[in-house]
Every structure is written in C-alpha cells, then in structure tokens.
Amino acid sequence: MAITKLTLSADEQTVELAKRIASEDNISVSKLFKELLNDFSKKRKKEDPLLERYKNMEISEDIKALKGILKGKVPDDVDYKELKWEYLKERHGL
C-alpha cells in the first residue's frame, strides 16, 4: 500500500485537540486520522442481520478453555469476538 501525503485545513483548536489526543494515545496525528476514518466508515456500513447474529454469539466454554494455549504468540489485548467476526466474514466471502 503506497502512502500518499494529504494536507488538511482546520482551526487552531482542532489541530491542538488532534495533537493532544494522538499524544495521549502515543500515535501520530496521521494514524489518529486513519483510525477515526476507519471507525466512521464501519459505522456507516449497513449490517447484515445474519452476520450480526454470528458476531454477537457467545463463545462456547470448550473454545474458551483453549484460551492461553498460545501464550506469548497472541497479544493480550486481542478481541476474540472481533477475530471470530473477521473469520466468519472471510469464510463466507463478505
């Protein structure tokens, strides 16, 4: 993926706010902009009721019992529901 430079205009308060938020999250303003845009885009997408049902399904105790077997190979902050959602989207070609 090629990186393209983008120049944005904003009032001084907005620029300072963006810098402060990015600094608090230890990320660049560019990364903050990218994350905000991606989050905004996800919220605008229409959800498929069937996929929503799968996304919100409870994970069985048998599967939960496997948690930790990859200790150190998967970051501690992994959202397993999000991983399951991504897997289902990929598996069903969505």
Protein backbone atom coordinates (compact mmCIF):
# COMPACT_ATOMS: atom_id res chain seq x y z
CA MET A 1 0.00 0.00 0.00
CA ALA A 2 1.51 3.30 -1.09
CA ILE A 3 1.49 6.22 1.33
CA THR A 4 0.17 9.48 -0.06
CA LYS A 5 0.59 12.82 1.65
CA LEU A 6 -2.63 14.72 2.39
CA THR A 7 -2.88 18.29 3.58
CA LEU A 8 -5.91 19.21 5.70
CA SER A 9 -7.06 22.58 6.94
CA ALA A 10 -8.50 23.07 10.42
CA ASP A 11 -8.76 25.80 13.01
CA GLU A 12 -6.03 26.02 15.64
CA GLN A 13 -8.17 24.47 18.40
CA THR A 14 -8.96 21.42 16.28
CA VAL A 15 -5.30 20.95 15.37
CA GLU A 16 -4.28 21.19 19.03
CA LEU A 17 -7.02 18.74 20.01
CA ALA A 18 -5.83 16.25 17.39
CA LYS A 19 -2.24 16.59 18.58
CA ARG A 20 -3.25 16.12 22.22
CA ILE A 21 -5.38 13.03 21.53
CA ALA A 22 -2.66 11.49 19.36
CA SER A 23 -0.05 12.23 22.02
CA GLU A 24 -2.19 10.67 24.76
CA ASP A 25 -2.57 7.53 22.63
CA ASN A 26 1.13 7.54 21.63
CA ILE A 27 0.27 7.64 17.92
CA SER A 28 0.79 10.14 15.14
CA VAL A 29 -1.92 12.53 14.02
CA SER A 30 -1.89 10.68 10.69
CA LYS A 31 -2.62 7.37 12.41
CA LEU A 32 -5.32 9.02 14.53
CA PHE A 33 -6.96 10.37 11.36
CA LYS A 34 -6.77 6.94 9.72
CA GLU A 35 -8.32 5.20 12.76
CA LEU A 36 -11.10 7.77 13.05
CA LEU A 37 -11.89 7.49 9.35
CA ASN A 38 -11.94 3.67 9.51
CA ASP A 39 -14.22 3.74 12.58
CA PHE A 40 -16.53 6.23 10.87
CA SER A 41 -16.65 4.08 7.75
CA LYS A 42 -17.53 0.94 9.75
CA LYS A 43 -20.41 2.74 11.46
CA ARG A 44 -21.84 3.82 8.11
CA LYS A 45 -21.91 0.33 6.64
CA LYS A 46 -25.25 -1.42 6.71
CA GLU A 47 -25.12 -4.54 8.81
CA ASP A 48 -26.37 -7.92 7.66
CA PRO A 49 -28.73 -9.32 10.35
CA LEU A 50 -27.38 -12.85 9.92
CA LEU A 51 -23.80 -11.71 10.36
CA GLU A 52 -24.80 -9.60 13.34
CA ARG A 53 -26.27 -12.75 14.91
CA TYR A 54 -22.96 -14.57 14.48
CA LYS A 55 -20.97 -11.59 15.65
CA ASN A 56 -22.87 -11.50 18.93
CA MET A 57 -22.95 -15.24 19.57
CA GLU A 58 -21.43 -16.45 22.79
CA ILE A 59 -18.24 -18.45 22.50
CA SER A 60 -18.66 -21.97 23.90
CA GLU A 61 -16.87 -22.98 27.08
CA ASP A 62 -14.89 -25.61 25.14
CA ILE A 63 -13.43 -22.91 22.92
CA LYS A 64 -12.86 -20.55 25.85
CA ALA A 65 -10.93 -23.35 27.57
CA LEU A 66 -8.36 -23.11 24.77
CA LYS A 67 -7.58 -19.51 25.71
CA GLY A 68 -3.99 -19.20 26.81
CA ILE A 69 -2.53 -22.13 24.88
CA LEU A 70 -0.82 -19.64 22.58
CA LYS A 71 0.56 -17.56 25.45
CA GLY A 72 3.08 -15.11 24.08
CA LYS A 73 2.11 -15.79 20.46
CA VAL A 74 -1.03 -13.61 20.51
CA PRO A 75 -1.12 -10.12 22.08
CA ASP A 76 -3.02 -9.86 25.37
CA ASP A 77 -5.34 -7.18 24.01
CA VAL A 78 -6.82 -9.39 21.26
CA ASP A 79 -10.61 -9.08 20.93
CA TYR A 80 -11.74 -12.65 20.34
CA LYS A 81 -15.22 -11.61 19.25
CA GLU A 82 -13.67 -9.37 16.59
CA LEU A 83 -11.39 -12.22 15.46
CA LYS A 84 -14.40 -14.52 15.21
CA TRP A 85 -16.30 -11.88 13.24
CA GLU A 86 -13.40 -11.41 10.80
CA TYR A 87 -13.09 -15.18 10.36
CA LEU A 88 -16.79 -15.54 9.55
CA LYS A 89 -16.68 -12.64 7.08
CA GLU A 90 -13.68 -14.16 5.32
CA ARG A 91 -15.10 -17.69 5.34
CA HIS A 92 -18.41 -16.59 3.84
CA GLY A 93 -16.88 -14.18 1.34
CA LEU A 94 -18.33 -10.99 2.75
